[in-house]
Amino acid sequence: TVPETMATPTEQGTTTYDTVTVGYTELTTAAETGGLTINKYIVEYKKSADASYTQIDPATNPSPQVISGLVPNTAYLFRVIANNDIGDSTPSPTLTVTTATYVPEVPTNVQTTESLDGTTVDITWTAPSSDNGEAISDYKVLIFDGSSFTDYTTLCSQNTATRVSGLTCTVTMADLATIGLSYDDEVVAKVAA
């Protein structure tokens, strides 16, 4: 007979933005294996919204199996099928795992430029070379306030969409004064995506 249905697989180790490691308990008794040797364990996965599953190369080696090339911040369903010379077991109950959100690379070439009339400072940067599969939704502008870099994105005169497309943040000197910087201080900034 075909093998029994396997138990629900388990998440093993750390799930990353594009990799999930799935473990399963192998079938060992004659009742579980259908009295025959298990030839392979087939791990299947799909995005929770998709209709059909994708099989990874049949695993002849033991659990756990690493599934890579996944999309960040996406729910996936995983299941396992045991195979013997008669055929495949019924798929196991599913394990649901959501991949991690991927942090984009760091913006580069951060520069601060004071306006000619001394009333504003433009903070500009170059977008990261890669958003790592997820569009950048905003940038954090961190300004050194004399003791640490603090998120002062709210001081930017640009809205979120303009910051993302224009790669700039304009801050008035009056606003900088509210955080303890004077007109004589050099503005030091960092930007995070």
C-alpha atoms as a PDB file:
ATOM      1  CA  THR A   1       0.000   0.000   0.000  1.00  0.00           C
ATOM      2  CA  VAL A   2       0.974   3.638  -0.307  1.00  0.00           C
ATOM      3  CA  PRO A   3       2.534   5.314   2.750  1.00  0.00           C
ATOM      4  CA  GLU A   4       0.409   6.915   5.435  1.00  0.00           C
ATOM      5  CA  THR A   5      -0.189  10.646   5.396  1.00  0.00           C
ATOM      6  CA  MET A   6       2.724  12.388   7.064  1.00  0.00           C
ATOM      7  CA  ALA A   7       2.440  14.760  10.002  1.00  0.00           C
ATOM      8  CA  THR A   8       2.413  18.509   9.379  1.00  0.00           C
ATOM      9  CA  PRO A   9       5.931  19.691   8.498  1.00  0.00           C
ATOM     10  CA  THR A  10       7.688  22.148  10.835  1.00  0.00           C
ATOM     11  CA  GLU A  11       9.596  25.371  10.306  1.00  0.00           C
ATOM     12  CA  GLN A  12      13.285  24.875  11.104  1.00  0.00           C
ATOM     13  CA  GLY A  13      15.882  27.521  11.913  1.00  0.00           C
ATOM     14  CA  THR A  14      15.547  31.124  10.792  1.00  0.00           C
ATOM     15  CA  THR A  15      13.257  32.099   7.936  1.00  0.00           C
ATOM     16  CA  THR A  16      14.808  34.796   5.770  1.00  0.00           C
ATOM     17  CA  TYR A  17      13.360  37.069   3.101  1.00  0.00           C
ATOM     18  CA  ASP A  18      13.790  34.381   0.415  1.00  0.00           C
ATOM     19  CA  THR A  19      14.430  31.081   2.216  1.00  0.00           C
ATOM     20  CA  VAL A  20      12.401  28.744   4.433  1.00  0.00           C
ATOM     21  CA  THR A  21      13.733  25.531   5.935  1.00  0.00           C
ATOM     22  CA  VAL A  22      11.089  22.826   6.324  1.00  0.00           C
ATOM     23  CA  GLY A  23      11.511  19.789   8.535  1.00  0.00           C
ATOM     24  CA  TYR A  24       9.426  16.643   8.656  1.00  0.00           C
ATOM     25  CA  THR A  25       9.308  13.404  10.592  1.00  0.00           C
ATOM     26  CA  GLU A  26      10.223  10.491   8.382  1.00  0.00           C
ATOM     27  CA  LEU A  27       8.033   7.396   8.286  1.00  0.00           C
ATOM     28  CA  THR A  28       9.737   4.388   9.882  1.00  0.00           C
ATOM     29  CA  THR A  29       7.338   1.615  10.849  1.00  0.00           C
ATOM     30  CA  ALA A  30       5.904  -0.897   8.352  1.00  0.00           C
ATOM     31  CA  ALA A  31       2.413   0.455   9.045  1.00  0.00           C
ATOM     32  CA  GLU A  32       3.560   3.976   8.192  1.00  0.00           C
ATOM     33  CA  THR A  33       5.588   3.066   5.088  1.00  0.00           C
ATOM     34  CA  GLY A  34       3.029   0.650   3.624  1.00  0.00           C
ATOM     35  CA  GLY A  35       5.430  -2.197   4.343  1.00  0.00           C
ATOM     36  CA  LEU A  36       7.864  -0.925   1.738  1.00  0.00           C
ATOM     37  CA  THR A  37      10.954   1.281   1.694  1.00  0.00           C
ATOM     38  CA  ILE A  38      10.288   4.989   1.297  1.00  0.00           C
ATOM     39  CA  ASN A  39      11.925   6.079  -1.958  1.00  0.00           C
ATOM     40  CA  LYS A  40      11.699   9.819  -1.418  1.00  0.00           C
ATOM     41  CA  TYR A  41       9.972  12.649   0.384  1.00  0.00           C
ATOM     42  CA  ILE A  42       8.513  15.306  -1.878  1.00  0.00           C
ATOM     43  CA  VAL A  43       8.234  18.817  -0.459  1.00  0.00           C
ATOM     44  CA  GLU A  44       5.673  21.011  -2.155  1.00  0.00           C
ATOM     45  CA  TYR A  45       5.073  24.726  -1.650  1.00  0.00           C
ATOM     46  CA  LYS A  46       2.982  27.583  -2.982  1.00  0.00           C
ATOM     47  CA  LYS A  47       2.112  31.159  -2.189  1.00  0.00           C
ATOM     48  CA  SER A  48      -1.021  31.032  -0.097  1.00  0.00           C
ATOM     49  CA  ALA A  49      -2.962  32.866  -2.846  1.00  0.00           C
ATOM     50  CA  ASP A  50      -1.840  30.497  -5.630  1.00  0.00           C
ATOM     51  CA  ALA A  51      -3.917  27.551  -6.812  1.00  0.00           C
ATOM     52  CA  SER A  52      -1.216  24.966  -7.516  1.00  0.00           C
ATOM     53  CA  TYR A  53       1.869  23.706  -5.700  1.00  0.00           C
ATOM     54  CA  THR A  54       5.469  23.582  -6.912  1.00  0.00           C
ATOM     55  CA  GLN A  55       7.570  20.515  -6.113  1.00  0.00           C
ATOM     56  CA  ILE A  56      11.183  20.887  -5.183  1.00  0.00           C
ATOM     57  CA  ASP A  57      13.549  18.188  -6.374  1.00  0.00           C
ATOM     58  CA  PRO A  58      12.492  15.016  -4.604  1.00  0.00           C
ATOM     59  CA  ALA A  59      14.420  14.701  -1.409  1.00  0.00           C
ATOM     60  CA  THR A  60      16.214  11.425  -1.011  1.00  0.00           C
ATOM     61  CA  ASN A  61      18.228  12.931   1.832  1.00  0.00           C
ATOM     62  CA  PRO A  62      16.634  13.369   5.248  1.00  0.00           C
ATOM     63  CA  SER A  63      14.842  16.357   6.699  1.00  0.00           C
ATOM     64  CA  PRO A  64      15.176  19.370   6.795  1.00  0.00           C
ATOM     65  CA  GLN A  65      14.874  20.740   3.273  1.00  0.00           C
ATOM     66  CA  VAL A  66      15.795  24.322   2.297  1.00  0.00           C
ATOM     67  CA  ILE A  67      13.415  26.065  -0.100  1.00  0.00           C
ATOM     68  CA  SER A  68      14.963  29.213  -1.600  1.00  0.00           C
ATOM     69  CA  GLY A  69      14.150  31.813  -4.236  1.00  0.00           C
ATOM     70  CA  LEU A  70      10.983  32.910  -2.424  1.00  0.00           C
ATOM     71  CA  VAL A  71       9.430  36.387  -2.433  1.00  0.00           C
ATOM     72  CA  PRO A  72       9.915  38.617   0.633  1.00  0.00           C
ATOM     73  CA  ASN A  73       7.020  39.250   3.033  1.00  0.00           C
ATOM     74  CA  THR A  74       4.823  36.555   1.466  1.00  0.00           C
ATOM     75  CA  ALA A  75       2.798  33.754   3.067  1.00  0.00           C
ATOM     76  CA  TYR A  76       3.655  30.278   1.750  1.00  0.00           C
ATOM     77  CA  LEU A  77       2.077  26.880   2.340  1.00  0.00           C
ATOM     78  CA  PHE A  78       4.311  23.807   2.628  1.00  0.00           C
ATOM     79  CA  ARG A  79       3.388  20.124   2.647  1.00  0.00           C
ATOM     80  CA  VAL A  80       5.197  16.804   2.338  1.00  0.00           C
ATOM     81  CA  ILE A  81       4.381  13.604   0.447  1.00  0.00           C
ATOM     82  CA  ALA A  82       6.037  10.229   1.040  1.00  0.00           C
ATOM     83  CA  ASN A  83       6.622   7.917  -1.927  1.00  0.00           C
ATOM     84  CA  ASN A  84       7.182   4.134  -2.059  1.00  0.00           C
ATOM     85  CA  ASP A  85       7.109   1.631  -4.947  1.00  0.00           C
ATOM     86  CA  ILE A  86       3.279   1.616  -4.905  1.00  0.00           C
ATOM     87  CA  GLY A  87       2.863   5.401  -5.095  1.00  0.00           C
ATOM     88  CA  ASP A  88       2.482   8.625  -3.179  1.00  0.00           C
ATOM     89  CA  SER A  89       0.863   9.240   0.168  1.00  0.00           C
ATOM     90  CA  THR A  90      -1.864  11.792   0.586  1.00  0.00           C
ATOM     91  CA  PRO A  91      -0.221  15.226   1.119  1.00  0.00           C
ATOM     92  CA  SER A  92       0.414  16.161   4.741  1.00  0.00           C
ATOM     93  CA  PRO A  93      -1.494  18.963   6.414  1.00  0.00           C
ATOM     94  CA  THR A  94       0.042  22.310   5.432  1.00  0.00           C
ATOM     95  CA  LEU A  95       2.496  24.477   7.312  1.00  0.00           C
ATOM     96  CA  THR A  96       2.073  28.233   6.729  1.00  0.00           C
ATOM     97  CA  VAL A  97       5.190  30.415   6.912  1.00  0.00           C
ATOM     98  CA  THR A  98       5.577  34.091   5.987  1.00  0.00           C
ATOM     99  CA  THR A  99       8.972  35.071   4.631  1.00  0.00           C
ATOM    100  CA  ALA A 100      10.762  37.988   6.278  1.00  0.00           C
ATOM    101  CA  THR A 101      10.592  41.511   4.954  1.00  0.00           C
ATOM    102  CA  TYR A 102      13.826  42.329   3.212  1.00  0.00           C
ATOM    103  CA  VAL A 103      15.644  45.454   4.231  1.00  0.00           C
ATOM    104  CA  PRO A 104      16.941  47.309   1.183  1.00  0.00           C
ATOM    105  CA  GLU A 105      20.577  48.214   0.798  1.00  0.00           C
ATOM    106  CA  VAL A 106      21.758  51.479   2.335  1.00  0.00           C
ATOM    107  CA  PRO A 107      21.382  54.718   0.369  1.00  0.00           C
ATOM    108  CA  THR A 108      24.733  56.240  -0.567  1.00  0.00           C
ATOM    109  CA  ASN A 109      26.273  59.614  -1.319  1.00  0.00           C
ATOM    110  CA  VAL A 110      24.384  61.468   1.443  1.00  0.00           C
ATOM    111  CA  GLN A 111      25.118  65.188   1.169  1.00  0.00           C
ATOM    112  CA  THR A 112      23.927  68.295   2.979  1.00  0.00           C
ATOM    113  CA  THR A 113      23.828  71.647   1.212  1.00  0.00           C
ATOM    114  CA  GLU A 114      22.825  74.908   2.873  1.00  0.00           C
ATOM    115  CA  SER A 115      20.778  77.309   0.739  1.00  0.00           C
ATOM    116  CA  LEU A 116      22.428  80.524  -0.400  1.00  0.00           C
ATOM    117  CA  ASP A 117      20.222  82.590   1.897  1.00  0.00           C
ATOM    118  CA  GLY A 118      20.949  80.284   4.864  1.00  0.00           C
ATOM    119  CA  THR A 119      17.303  79.457   5.603  1.00  0.00           C
ATOM    120  CA  THR A 120      17.218  75.782   4.584  1.00  0.00           C
ATOM    121  CA  VAL A 121      19.393  72.714   4.283  1.00  0.00           C
ATOM    122  CA  ASP A 122      18.873  70.179   1.490  1.00  0.00           C
ATOM    123  CA  ILE A 123      19.768  66.598   2.362  1.00  0.00           C
ATOM    124  CA  THR A 124      20.189  64.505  -0.773  1.00  0.00           C
ATOM    125  CA  TRP A 125      21.210  60.912  -1.410  1.00  0.00           C
ATOM    126  CA  THR A 126      21.552  58.249  -4.062  1.00  0.00           C
ATOM    127  CA  ALA A 127      19.042  55.405  -4.002  1.00  0.00           C
ATOM    128  CA  PRO A 128      20.365  51.966  -3.021  1.00  0.00           C
ATOM    129  CA  SER A 129      21.686  49.925  -5.920  1.00  0.00           C
ATOM    130  CA  SER A 130      19.057  47.301  -5.093  1.00  0.00           C
ATOM    131  CA  ASP A 131      15.709  47.373  -3.317  1.00  0.00           C
ATOM    132  CA  ASN A 132      16.062  43.584  -2.954  1.00  0.00           C
ATOM    133  CA  GLY A 133      12.712  42.722  -4.428  1.00  0.00           C
ATOM    134  CA  GLU A 134      10.493  45.140  -2.551  1.00  0.00           C
ATOM    135  CA  ALA A 135       9.858  48.716  -3.650  1.00  0.00           C
ATOM    136  CA  ILE A 136      11.192  51.357  -1.263  1.00  0.00           C
ATOM    137  CA  SER A 137       8.199  53.029   0.383  1.00  0.00           C
ATOM    138  CA  ASP A 138      10.030  55.812   2.241  1.00  0.00           C
ATOM    139  CA  TYR A 139      13.386  56.994   3.518  1.00  0.00           C
ATOM    140  CA  LYS A 140      14.309  57.854   7.098  1.00  0.00           C
ATOM    141  CA  VAL A 141      16.385  60.984   7.472  1.00  0.00           C
ATOM    142  CA  LEU A 142      18.582  60.833  10.560  1.00  0.00           C
ATOM    143  CA  ILE A 143      20.248  64.040  11.724  1.00  0.00           C
ATOM    144  CA  PHE A 144      23.044  64.250  14.271  1.00  0.00           C
ATOM    145  CA  ASP A 145      21.618  66.434  17.042  1.00  0.00           C
ATOM    146  CA  GLY A 146      24.791  66.757  19.077  1.00  0.00           C
ATOM    147  CA  SER A 147      24.536  63.434  20.877  1.00  0.00           C
ATOM    148  CA  SER A 148      23.159  60.847  18.456  1.00  0.00           C
ATOM    149  CA  PHE A 149      21.587  60.290  15.061  1.00  0.00           C
ATOM    150  CA  THR A 150      17.828  60.647  15.478  1.00  0.00           C
ATOM    151  CA  ASP A 151      15.012  60.171  12.982  1.00  0.00           C
ATOM    152  CA  TYR A 152      13.883  63.661  11.987  1.00  0.00           C
ATOM    153  CA  THR A 153      12.049  62.671   8.812  1.00  0.00           C
ATOM    154  CA  THR A 154       9.033  64.652  10.016  1.00  0.00           C
ATOM    155  CA  LEU A 155      11.055  67.858   9.559  1.00  0.00           C
ATOM    156  CA  CYS A 156      11.322  67.280   5.797  1.00  0.00           C
ATOM    157  CA  SER A 157       9.166  69.641   3.784  1.00  0.00           C
ATOM    158  CA  GLN A 158       8.620  66.949   1.120  1.00  0.00           C
ATOM    159  CA  ASN A 159       5.894  64.339   1.401  1.00  0.00           C
ATOM    160  CA  THR A 160       6.697  60.614   1.288  1.00  0.00           C
ATOM    161  CA  ALA A 161       6.198  60.222  -2.475  1.00  0.00           C
ATOM    162  CA  THR A 162       8.460  63.184  -3.212  1.00  0.00           C
ATOM    163  CA  ARG A 163      11.161  61.881  -0.864  1.00  0.00           C
ATOM    164  CA  VAL A 164      11.092  58.499  -2.599  1.00  0.00           C
ATOM    165  CA  SER A 165      11.132  59.859  -6.153  1.00  0.00           C
ATOM    166  CA  GLY A 166      13.221  62.989  -5.588  1.00  0.00           C
ATOM    167  CA  LEU A 167      15.759  61.555  -3.129  1.00  0.00           C
ATOM    168  CA  THR A 168      15.798  64.784  -1.168  1.00  0.00           C
ATOM    169  CA  CYS A 169      14.698  66.279   2.125  1.00  0.00           C
ATOM    170  CA  THR A 170      14.611  70.023   2.771  1.00  0.00           C
ATOM    171  CA  VAL A 171      14.723  71.172   6.399  1.00  0.00           C
ATOM    172  CA  THR A 172      14.439  74.786   7.526  1.00  0.00           C
ATOM    173  CA  MET A 173      17.116  76.233   9.771  1.00  0.00           C
ATOM    174  CA  ALA A 174      14.311  77.219  12.162  1.00  0.00           C
ATOM    175  CA  ASP A 175      13.324  73.531  12.485  1.00  0.00           C
ATOM    176  CA  LEU A 176      16.951  72.549  13.018  1.00  0.00           C
ATOM    177  CA  ALA A 177      17.118  75.120  15.821  1.00  0.00           C
ATOM    178  CA  THR A 178      14.271  73.289  17.602  1.00  0.00           C
ATOM    179  CA  ILE A 179      16.513  70.220  17.914  1.00  0.00           C
ATOM    180  CA  GLY A 180      19.424  72.203  19.284  1.00  0.00           C
ATOM    181  CA  LEU A 181      21.380  73.000  16.142  1.00  0.00           C
ATOM    182  CA  SER A 182      22.426  76.571  15.484  1.00  0.00           C
ATOM    183  CA  TYR A 183      23.054  78.360  12.197  1.00  0.00           C
ATOM    184  CA  ASP A 184      26.792  77.855  12.734  1.00  0.00           C
ATOM    185  CA  ASP A 185      26.563  74.063  13.185  1.00  0.00           C
ATOM    186  CA  GLU A 186      27.374  71.717  10.349  1.00  0.00           C
ATOM    187  CA  VAL A 187      24.386  69.473   9.587  1.00  0.00           C
ATOM    188  CA  VAL A 188      25.412  65.821   9.545  1.00  0.00           C
ATOM    189  CA  ALA A 189      22.824  63.374   8.237  1.00  0.00           C
ATOM    190  CA  LYS A 190      22.351  59.696   7.416  1.00  0.00           C
ATOM    191  CA  VAL A 191      19.577  58.191   5.340  1.00  0.00           C
ATOM    192  CA  ALA A 192      18.003  54.753   5.682  1.00  0.00           C
ATOM    193  CA  ALA A 193      15.587  53.125   3.259  1.00  0.00           C
END
